[in-house]
Amino acid sequence: MGGPTKLYLVQHAEAKREEEDPDRPLTEKGKADIRKVTEFLKGKGLRASRMLHSGKLRARQTAEVLAEAISLESNVEQADGLGQLDDPDIWRSRLSKENKDIVLVGHLPHLARLTGLLLSGDPERKPVHFRNGGVVCLARDETGNWSVQWVLTPELLG
């Protein structure tokens, strides 16, 4: 495996309510929040083989902005298994075969369940509190164990 593999988990930025717009694009606050996070991360040397999102507009918009801050080996792409209610074991299994850093942009409760599964083996445990537009960085060591490296939220950036 070499060094640790990084996994960046991103909850989409704030989106409009379904009653307001059924497509749920990002709100102005959501756009500002993800730009703030992107500006902070620029120049930090973050790299990933790819960035994948759920296909929902709010996740795609978040991923497209965030891609400005992370050097990617490929384009931002849609992937299955990242929806709100998808089984987190789908991505636990896929990640076990990954040997490069990757970014997943998705939704709650899926991201929280995936994190619980990776960190504790229990998808119902919530070891990290996700925020809209926030990034959680996990790292896998040589033995295959995951740990939290850092968490960044728009609120931390003022």
N, C-alpha and C. Protein backbone atom coordinates (compact mmCIF):
# COMPACT_ATOMS: atom_id res chain seq x y z
N MET A 1 0.81 -1.21 0.00
CA MET A 1 0.00 0.00 0.00
C MET A 1 0.85 1.26 0.00
N GLY A 2 2.09 1.18 0.45
CA GLY A 2 2.90 2.39 0.54
C GLY A 2 2.48 3.18 1.76
N GLY A 3 2.40 4.49 1.63
CA GLY A 3 1.99 5.35 2.74
C GLY A 3 0.49 5.30 2.93
N PRO A 4 0.01 6.08 3.88
CA PRO A 4 -1.44 6.07 4.13
C PRO A 4 -2.22 6.59 2.92
N THR A 5 -3.38 6.04 2.73
CA THR A 5 -4.29 6.51 1.69
C THR A 5 -5.26 7.47 2.34
N LYS A 6 -5.43 8.63 1.73
CA LYS A 6 -6.35 9.64 2.28
C LYS A 6 -7.71 9.52 1.61
N LEU A 7 -8.73 9.74 2.42
CA LEU A 7 -10.11 9.77 1.95
C LEU A 7 -10.69 11.09 2.43
N TYR A 8 -11.12 11.91 1.49
CA TYR A 8 -11.75 13.18 1.82
C TYR A 8 -13.25 13.01 1.64
N LEU A 9 -13.99 13.15 2.73
CA LEU A 9 -15.45 13.02 2.70
C LEU A 9 -16.04 14.42 2.83
N VAL A 10 -16.90 14.77 1.88
CA VAL A 10 -17.43 16.12 1.82
C VAL A 10 -18.96 16.07 1.79
N GLN A 11 -19.57 16.72 2.77
CA GLN A 11 -21.03 16.87 2.72
C GLN A 11 -21.30 18.08 1.84
N HIS A 12 -22.21 17.91 0.88
CA HIS A 12 -22.53 19.01 -0.03
C HIS A 12 -22.81 20.29 0.76
N ALA A 13 -22.55 21.42 0.13
CA ALA A 13 -22.81 22.71 0.76
C ALA A 13 -24.33 22.93 0.87
N GLU A 14 -24.72 23.96 1.62
CA GLU A 14 -26.14 24.23 1.86
C GLU A 14 -26.90 24.37 0.53
N ALA A 15 -28.03 23.66 0.47
CA ALA A 15 -28.86 23.67 -0.74
C ALA A 15 -30.24 24.25 -0.43
N LYS A 16 -30.91 24.69 -1.49
CA LYS A 16 -32.27 25.19 -1.34
C LYS A 16 -33.19 24.06 -0.89
N ARG A 17 -34.25 24.42 -0.18
CA ARG A 17 -35.25 23.43 0.23
C ARG A 17 -36.00 22.93 -1.00
N GLU A 18 -36.49 21.72 -0.91
CA GLU A 18 -37.19 21.11 -2.04
C GLU A 18 -38.40 21.93 -2.46
N GLU A 19 -39.09 22.56 -1.47
CA GLU A 19 -40.28 23.37 -1.78
C GLU A 19 -39.89 24.59 -2.61
N GLU A 20 -38.68 25.07 -2.38
CA GLU A 20 -38.18 26.26 -3.06
C GLU A 20 -37.75 25.93 -4.50
N ASP A 21 -37.05 24.79 -4.65
CA ASP A 21 -36.57 24.34 -5.97
C ASP A 21 -36.34 22.84 -5.88
N PRO A 22 -37.15 22.05 -6.61
CA PRO A 22 -37.04 20.58 -6.52
C PRO A 22 -35.66 20.04 -6.90
N ASP A 23 -34.89 20.77 -7.70
CA ASP A 23 -33.54 20.32 -8.07
C ASP A 23 -32.53 20.52 -6.95
N ARG A 24 -32.86 21.38 -5.98
CA ARG A 24 -32.05 21.68 -4.81
C ARG A 24 -30.63 22.13 -5.12
N PRO A 25 -30.49 23.20 -5.93
CA PRO A 25 -29.15 23.75 -6.16
C PRO A 25 -28.63 24.39 -4.88
N LEU A 26 -27.36 24.75 -4.88
CA LEU A 26 -26.77 25.41 -3.71
C LEU A 26 -27.39 26.78 -3.52
N THR A 27 -27.55 27.16 -2.26
CA THR A 27 -27.98 28.52 -1.93
C THR A 27 -26.78 29.45 -2.10
N GLU A 28 -27.01 30.74 -2.01
CA GLU A 28 -25.90 31.69 -2.05
C GLU A 28 -24.95 31.44 -0.89
N LYS A 29 -25.50 31.15 0.29
CA LYS A 29 -24.66 30.84 1.46
C LYS A 29 -23.84 29.58 1.18
N GLY A 30 -24.48 28.57 0.60
CA GLY A 30 -23.78 27.32 0.28
C GLY A 30 -22.62 27.56 -0.68
N LYS A 31 -22.88 28.38 -1.71
CA LYS A 31 -21.81 28.71 -2.67
C LYS A 31 -20.67 29.45 -1.97
N ALA A 32 -21.02 30.40 -1.12
CA ALA A 32 -20.00 31.17 -0.39
C ALA A 32 -19.22 30.26 0.55
N ASP A 33 -19.91 29.34 1.23
CA ASP A 33 -19.24 28.43 2.17
C ASP A 33 -18.23 27.54 1.45
N ILE A 34 -18.62 26.94 0.33
CA ILE A 34 -17.71 26.02 -0.34
C ILE A 34 -16.56 26.78 -0.99
N ARG A 35 -16.81 28.01 -1.41
CA ARG A 35 -15.71 28.84 -1.94
C ARG A 35 -14.70 29.15 -0.83
N LYS A 36 -15.22 29.44 0.38
CA LYS A 36 -14.36 29.74 1.53
C LYS A 36 -13.47 28.52 1.85
N VAL A 37 -14.07 27.35 1.87
CA VAL A 37 -13.33 26.11 2.13
C VAL A 37 -12.29 25.89 1.02
N THR A 38 -12.71 26.09 -0.22
CA THR A 38 -11.81 25.90 -1.36
C THR A 38 -10.62 26.85 -1.28
N GLU A 39 -10.89 28.11 -0.98
CA GLU A 39 -9.80 29.09 -0.87
C GLU A 39 -8.81 28.70 0.23
N PHE A 40 -9.33 28.20 1.34
CA PHE A 40 -8.46 27.79 2.44
C PHE A 40 -7.59 26.60 2.01
N LEU A 41 -8.18 25.65 1.30
CA LEU A 41 -7.46 24.43 0.93
C LEU A 41 -6.48 24.61 -0.23
N LYS A 42 -6.71 25.64 -1.03
CA LYS A 42 -5.80 25.90 -2.16
C LYS A 42 -4.39 26.08 -1.63
N GLY A 43 -3.45 25.49 -2.31
CA GLY A 43 -2.06 25.64 -1.91
C GLY A 43 -1.63 24.74 -0.78
N LYS A 44 -2.52 23.90 -0.26
CA LYS A 44 -2.16 22.99 0.82
C LYS A 44 -1.55 21.69 0.29
N GLY A 45 -1.52 21.56 -1.04
CA GLY A 45 -0.90 20.37 -1.63
C GLY A 45 -1.76 19.12 -1.60
N LEU A 46 -3.08 19.30 -1.48
CA LEU A 46 -3.96 18.14 -1.47
C LEU A 46 -4.04 17.55 -2.87
N ARG A 47 -3.94 16.23 -2.94
CA ARG A 47 -4.01 15.53 -4.22
C ARG A 47 -4.96 14.35 -4.06
N ALA A 48 -5.58 13.98 -5.16
CA ALA A 48 -6.45 12.80 -5.15
C ALA A 48 -6.48 12.22 -6.56
N SER A 49 -6.71 10.93 -6.63
CA SER A 49 -6.79 10.30 -7.95
C SER A 49 -8.07 10.73 -8.65
N ARG A 50 -9.13 10.90 -7.86
CA ARG A 50 -10.40 11.33 -8.45
C ARG A 50 -11.33 11.90 -7.40
N MET A 51 -12.35 12.61 -7.89
CA MET A 51 -13.39 13.17 -7.04
C MET A 51 -14.72 12.68 -7.59
N LEU A 52 -15.48 12.03 -6.71
CA LEU A 52 -16.75 11.43 -7.11
C LEU A 52 -17.88 12.06 -6.31
N HIS A 53 -19.04 12.26 -6.97
CA HIS A 53 -20.21 12.82 -6.30
C HIS A 53 -21.43 11.95 -6.60
N SER A 54 -22.50 12.19 -5.88
CA SER A 54 -23.70 11.36 -5.96
C SER A 54 -24.51 11.56 -7.24
N GLY A 55 -24.29 12.65 -7.94
CA GLY A 55 -25.10 12.94 -9.12
C GLY A 55 -26.20 13.95 -8.85
N LYS A 56 -26.52 14.16 -7.59
CA LYS A 56 -27.50 15.19 -7.26
C LYS A 56 -26.85 16.56 -7.51
N LEU A 57 -27.65 17.51 -7.96
CA LEU A 57 -27.13 18.82 -8.34
C LEU A 57 -26.29 19.46 -7.24
N ARG A 58 -26.77 19.42 -5.99
CA ARG A 58 -26.05 20.07 -4.90
C ARG A 58 -24.68 19.43 -4.66
N ALA A 59 -24.58 18.12 -4.83
CA ALA A 59 -23.29 17.44 -4.66
C ALA A 59 -22.37 17.75 -5.84
N ARG A 60 -22.91 17.76 -7.06
CA ARG A 60 -22.10 18.07 -8.24
C ARG A 60 -21.54 19.49 -8.16
N GLN A 61 -22.41 20.46 -7.78
CA GLN A 61 -21.96 21.85 -7.68
C GLN A 61 -20.86 21.99 -6.62
N THR A 62 -21.02 21.31 -5.50
CA THR A 62 -20.01 21.34 -4.44
C THR A 62 -18.70 20.77 -4.95
N ALA A 63 -18.76 19.63 -5.62
CA ALA A 63 -17.56 18.96 -6.13
C ALA A 63 -16.84 19.84 -7.16
N GLU A 64 -17.59 20.47 -8.04
CA GLU A 64 -16.98 21.28 -9.09
C GLU A 64 -16.20 22.46 -8.50
N VAL A 65 -16.74 23.08 -7.46
CA VAL A 65 -16.02 24.20 -6.83
C VAL A 65 -14.81 23.67 -6.06
N LEU A 66 -14.99 22.61 -5.30
CA LEU A 66 -13.92 22.05 -4.47
C LEU A 66 -12.76 21.55 -5.32
N ALA A 67 -13.04 21.10 -6.53
CA ALA A 67 -11.99 20.57 -7.41
C ALA A 67 -10.91 21.61 -7.70
N GLU A 68 -11.24 22.90 -7.54
CA GLU A 68 -10.25 23.96 -7.74
C GLU A 68 -9.13 23.89 -6.71
N ALA A 69 -9.38 23.25 -5.57
CA ALA A 69 -8.42 23.24 -4.47
C ALA A 69 -7.61 21.95 -4.39
N ILE A 70 -8.05 20.92 -5.07
CA ILE A 70 -7.40 19.61 -4.95
C ILE A 70 -6.90 19.18 -6.32
N SER A 71 -5.63 18.86 -6.41
CA SER A 71 -5.07 18.38 -7.69
C SER A 71 -5.61 16.98 -7.96
N LEU A 72 -6.32 16.85 -9.06
CA LEU A 72 -6.94 15.57 -9.41
C LEU A 72 -6.24 14.95 -10.61
N GLU A 73 -6.15 13.62 -10.60
CA GLU A 73 -5.59 12.90 -11.73
C GLU A 73 -6.64 12.67 -12.82
N SER A 74 -7.91 12.85 -12.48
CA SER A 74 -8.97 12.68 -13.48
C SER A 74 -10.05 13.73 -13.22
N ASN A 75 -11.10 13.70 -14.01
CA ASN A 75 -12.18 14.67 -13.87
C ASN A 75 -13.08 14.34 -12.69
N VAL A 76 -13.90 15.31 -12.33
CA VAL A 76 -14.94 15.11 -11.34
C VAL A 76 -16.02 14.25 -12.01
N GLU A 77 -16.44 13.18 -11.34
CA GLU A 77 -17.39 12.25 -11.94
C GLU A 77 -18.51 11.88 -10.98
N GLN A 78 -19.61 11.45 -11.56
CA GLN A 78 -20.73 10.91 -10.79
C GLN A 78 -20.45 9.45 -10.49
N ALA A 79 -20.87 8.99 -9.31
CA ALA A 79 -20.70 7.59 -8.94
C ALA A 79 -21.94 7.10 -8.20
N ASP A 80 -22.22 5.84 -8.31
CA ASP A 80 -23.35 5.27 -7.57
C ASP A 80 -22.91 4.95 -6.14
N GLY A 81 -23.89 4.69 -5.29
CA GLY A 81 -23.60 4.31 -3.91
C GLY A 81 -23.34 5.48 -2.98
N LEU A 82 -23.57 6.73 -3.43
CA LEU A 82 -23.30 7.89 -2.59
C LEU A 82 -24.57 8.65 -2.20
N GLY A 83 -25.74 8.05 -2.44
CA GLY A 83 -27.00 8.68 -2.07
C GLY A 83 -27.22 8.65 -0.56
N GLN A 84 -28.17 9.47 -0.11
CA GLN A 84 -28.45 9.60 1.33
C GLN A 84 -28.63 8.26 2.01
N LEU A 85 -29.39 7.36 1.40
CA LEU A 85 -29.77 6.11 2.07
C LEU A 85 -29.03 4.89 1.54
N ASP A 86 -27.99 5.11 0.73
CA ASP A 86 -27.25 3.97 0.20
C ASP A 86 -26.49 3.25 1.30
N ASP A 87 -26.24 1.98 1.08
CA ASP A 87 -25.53 1.13 2.03
C ASP A 87 -24.07 1.56 2.10
N PRO A 88 -23.57 1.95 3.28
CA PRO A 88 -22.17 2.39 3.37
C PRO A 88 -21.18 1.27 3.09
N ASP A 89 -21.62 0.02 3.18
CA ASP A 89 -20.73 -1.10 2.92
C ASP A 89 -20.27 -1.14 1.46
N ILE A 90 -21.06 -0.55 0.55
CA ILE A 90 -20.67 -0.47 -0.87
C ILE A 90 -19.32 0.24 -0.97
N TRP A 91 -19.21 1.41 -0.34
CA TRP A 91 -17.97 2.17 -0.43
C TRP A 91 -16.89 1.64 0.49
N ARG A 92 -17.24 1.03 1.60
CA ARG A 92 -16.20 0.40 2.44
C ARG A 92 -15.48 -0.66 1.61
N SER A 93 -16.25 -1.44 0.88
CA SER A 93 -15.68 -2.49 0.04
C SER A 93 -14.83 -1.90 -1.09
N ARG A 94 -15.34 -0.87 -1.76
CA ARG A 94 -14.59 -0.24 -2.86
C ARG A 94 -13.29 0.38 -2.35
N LEU A 95 -13.36 1.03 -1.20
CA LEU A 95 -12.18 1.69 -0.66
C LEU A 95 -11.10 0.70 -0.26
N SER A 96 -11.49 -0.51 0.09
CA SER A 96 -10.49 -1.52 0.47
C SER A 96 -9.61 -1.88 -0.72
N LYS A 97 -10.08 -1.60 -1.93
CA LYS A 97 -9.32 -1.90 -3.15
C LYS A 97 -8.60 -0.66 -3.70
N GLU A 98 -8.88 0.51 -3.12
CA GLU A 98 -8.25 1.76 -3.58
C GLU A 98 -6.85 1.88 -2.98
N ASN A 99 -5.91 2.34 -3.79
CA ASN A 99 -4.58 2.59 -3.23
C ASN A 99 -4.12 4.02 -3.48
N LYS A 100 -5.06 4.86 -3.90
CA LYS A 100 -4.77 6.28 -4.10
C LYS A 100 -5.79 7.12 -3.33
N ASP A 101 -5.42 8.35 -3.06
CA ASP A 101 -6.32 9.26 -2.35
C ASP A 101 -7.55 9.55 -3.22
N ILE A 102 -8.69 9.71 -2.56
CA ILE A 102 -9.96 9.88 -3.27
C ILE A 102 -10.85 10.87 -2.50
N VAL A 103 -11.72 11.57 -3.22
CA VAL A 103 -12.67 12.51 -2.62
C VAL A 103 -14.08 12.01 -2.95
N LEU A 104 -14.92 11.91 -1.92
CA LEU A 104 -16.32 11.54 -2.11
C LEU A 104 -17.18 12.70 -1.63
N VAL A 105 -18.05 13.20 -2.51
CA VAL A 105 -18.96 14.30 -2.16
C VAL A 105 -20.37 13.72 -2.13
N GLY A 106 -21.00 13.79 -0.96
CA GLY A 106 -22.31 13.17 -0.82
C GLY A 106 -23.19 13.83 0.21
N HIS A 107 -23.92 12.98 0.92
CA HIS A 107 -25.05 13.42 1.74
C HIS A 107 -25.06 12.68 3.08
N LEU A 108 -25.78 13.26 4.02
CA LEU A 108 -26.10 12.56 5.27
C LEU A 108 -27.42 11.83 5.05
N PRO A 109 -27.65 10.72 5.68
CA PRO A 109 -26.80 10.09 6.69
C PRO A 109 -25.70 9.19 6.11
N HIS A 110 -25.64 9.02 4.80
CA HIS A 110 -24.67 8.10 4.20
C HIS A 110 -23.23 8.37 4.64
N LEU A 111 -22.76 9.62 4.55
CA LEU A 111 -21.37 9.91 4.90
C LEU A 111 -21.08 9.59 6.37
N ALA A 112 -22.01 9.91 7.24
CA ALA A 112 -21.82 9.61 8.67
C ALA A 112 -21.79 8.10 8.90
N ARG A 113 -22.63 7.38 8.20
CA ARG A 113 -22.67 5.91 8.35
C ARG A 113 -21.39 5.27 7.80
N LEU A 114 -20.90 5.79 6.67
CA LEU A 114 -19.64 5.29 6.10
C LEU A 114 -18.49 5.55 7.06
N THR A 115 -18.44 6.75 7.62
CA THR A 115 -17.38 7.09 8.57
C THR A 115 -17.43 6.19 9.79
N GLY A 116 -18.63 5.97 10.33
CA GLY A 116 -18.78 5.07 11.47
C GLY A 116 -18.29 3.67 11.14
N LEU A 117 -18.62 3.19 9.96
CA LEU A 117 -18.21 1.86 9.53
C LEU A 117 -16.69 1.76 9.40
N LEU A 118 -16.08 2.77 8.77
CA LEU A 118 -14.63 2.74 8.57
C LEU A 118 -13.86 2.87 9.89
N LEU A 119 -14.33 3.75 10.77
CA LEU A 119 -13.57 4.03 12.00
C LEU A 119 -13.86 3.04 13.12
N SER A 120 -15.08 2.51 13.18
CA SER A 120 -15.42 1.67 14.33
C SER A 120 -16.03 0.33 13.94
N GLY A 121 -16.30 0.13 12.66
CA GLY A 121 -16.96 -1.10 12.25
C GLY A 121 -18.46 -1.06 12.43
N ASP A 122 -18.99 0.07 12.90
CA ASP A 122 -20.41 0.20 13.18
C ASP A 122 -20.98 1.42 12.46
N PRO A 123 -21.83 1.20 11.44
CA PRO A 123 -22.38 2.35 10.71
C PRO A 123 -23.31 3.23 11.54
N GLU A 124 -23.76 2.75 12.67
CA GLU A 124 -24.66 3.55 13.52
C GLU A 124 -23.89 4.47 14.47
N ARG A 125 -22.59 4.26 14.61
CA ARG A 125 -21.76 5.16 15.42
C ARG A 125 -21.49 6.41 14.62
N LYS A 126 -21.49 7.54 15.27
CA LYS A 126 -21.24 8.81 14.59
C LYS A 126 -19.99 9.46 15.18
N PRO A 127 -18.80 9.01 14.78
CA PRO A 127 -17.57 9.53 15.39
C PRO A 127 -17.18 10.93 14.92
N VAL A 128 -17.83 11.43 13.85
CA VAL A 128 -17.52 12.75 13.32
C VAL A 128 -18.83 13.48 13.05
N HIS A 129 -18.85 14.77 13.36
CA HIS A 129 -20.03 15.58 13.08
C HIS A 129 -19.82 16.29 11.75
N PHE A 130 -20.61 15.93 10.75
CA PHE A 130 -20.50 16.55 9.43
C PHE A 130 -21.27 17.87 9.40
N ARG A 131 -20.77 18.79 8.56
CA ARG A 131 -21.43 20.09 8.35
C ARG A 131 -21.53 20.32 6.84
N ASN A 132 -22.56 21.03 6.42
CA ASN A 132 -22.70 21.38 5.00
C ASN A 132 -21.45 22.11 4.54
N GLY A 133 -20.85 21.64 3.46
CA GLY A 133 -19.66 22.29 2.91
C GLY A 133 -18.38 21.94 3.66
N GLY A 134 -18.46 21.04 4.62
CA GLY A 134 -17.29 20.65 5.39
C GLY A 134 -16.56 19.47 4.76
N VAL A 135 -15.29 19.32 5.15
CA VAL A 135 -14.46 18.23 4.65
C VAL A 135 -13.91 17.47 5.85
N VAL A 136 -14.04 16.15 5.79
CA VAL A 136 -13.46 15.26 6.80
C VAL A 136 -12.38 14.45 6.10
N CYS A 137 -11.15 14.53 6.60
CA CYS A 137 -10.05 13.78 6.01
C CYS A 137 -9.74 12.57 6.89
N LEU A 138 -9.87 11.39 6.30
CA LEU A 138 -9.49 10.15 6.97
C LEU A 138 -8.23 9.61 6.30
N ALA A 139 -7.43 8.86 7.04
CA ALA A 139 -6.25 8.23 6.47
C ALA A 139 -6.24 6.77 6.87
N ARG A 140 -5.86 5.93 5.90
CA ARG A 140 -5.73 4.49 6.16
C ARG A 140 -4.24 4.17 6.27
N ASP A 141 -3.89 3.48 7.35
CA ASP A 141 -2.49 3.13 7.55
C ASP A 141 -2.15 1.81 6.85
N GLU A 142 -0.92 1.36 7.01
CA GLU A 142 -0.44 0.15 6.34
C GLU A 142 -1.20 -1.10 6.76
N THR A 143 -1.83 -1.07 7.93
CA THR A 143 -2.57 -2.25 8.40
C THR A 143 -4.03 -2.23 7.97
N GLY A 144 -4.44 -1.14 7.29
CA GLY A 144 -5.82 -1.06 6.82
C GLY A 144 -6.76 -0.33 7.76
N ASN A 145 -6.25 0.17 8.88
CA ASN A 145 -7.09 0.90 9.84
C ASN A 145 -7.21 2.36 9.44
N TRP A 146 -8.43 2.89 9.59
CA TRP A 146 -8.70 4.30 9.27
C TRP A 146 -8.67 5.14 10.53
N SER A 147 -8.23 6.39 10.39
CA SER A 147 -8.27 7.35 11.49
C SER A 147 -8.60 8.73 10.94
N VAL A 148 -9.10 9.60 11.82
CA VAL A 148 -9.41 10.97 11.43
C VAL A 148 -8.10 11.75 11.41
N GLN A 149 -7.82 12.43 10.30
CA GLN A 149 -6.65 13.29 10.19
C GLN A 149 -7.01 14.73 10.54
N TRP A 150 -8.11 15.21 9.96
CA TRP A 150 -8.57 16.56 10.26
C TRP A 150 -10.01 16.75 9.78
N VAL A 151 -10.65 17.79 10.31
CA VAL A 151 -12.01 18.17 9.92
C VAL A 151 -12.00 19.67 9.69
N LEU A 152 -12.57 20.09 8.56
CA LEU A 152 -12.65 21.52 8.24
C LEU A 152 -14.09 21.87 7.93
N THR A 153 -14.61 22.89 8.59
CA THR A 153 -15.98 23.34 8.32
C THR A 153 -15.96 24.82 7.94
N PRO A 154 -16.94 25.27 7.18
CA PRO A 154 -17.00 26.69 6.84
C PRO A 154 -17.03 27.59 8.09
N GLU A 155 -17.68 27.11 9.16
CA GLU A 155 -17.78 27.90 10.39
C GLU A 155 -16.41 28.17 11.00
N LEU A 156 -15.48 27.21 10.88
CA LEU A 156 -14.14 27.40 11.43
C LEU A 156 -13.39 28.52 10.73
N LEU A 157 -13.78 28.79 9.49
CA LEU A 157 -13.08 29.79 8.69
C LEU A 157 -13.67 31.19 8.84
N GLY A 158 -14.69 31.31 9.69
CA GLY A 158 -15.27 32.62 9.97
C GLY A 158 -16.34 33.06 8.99
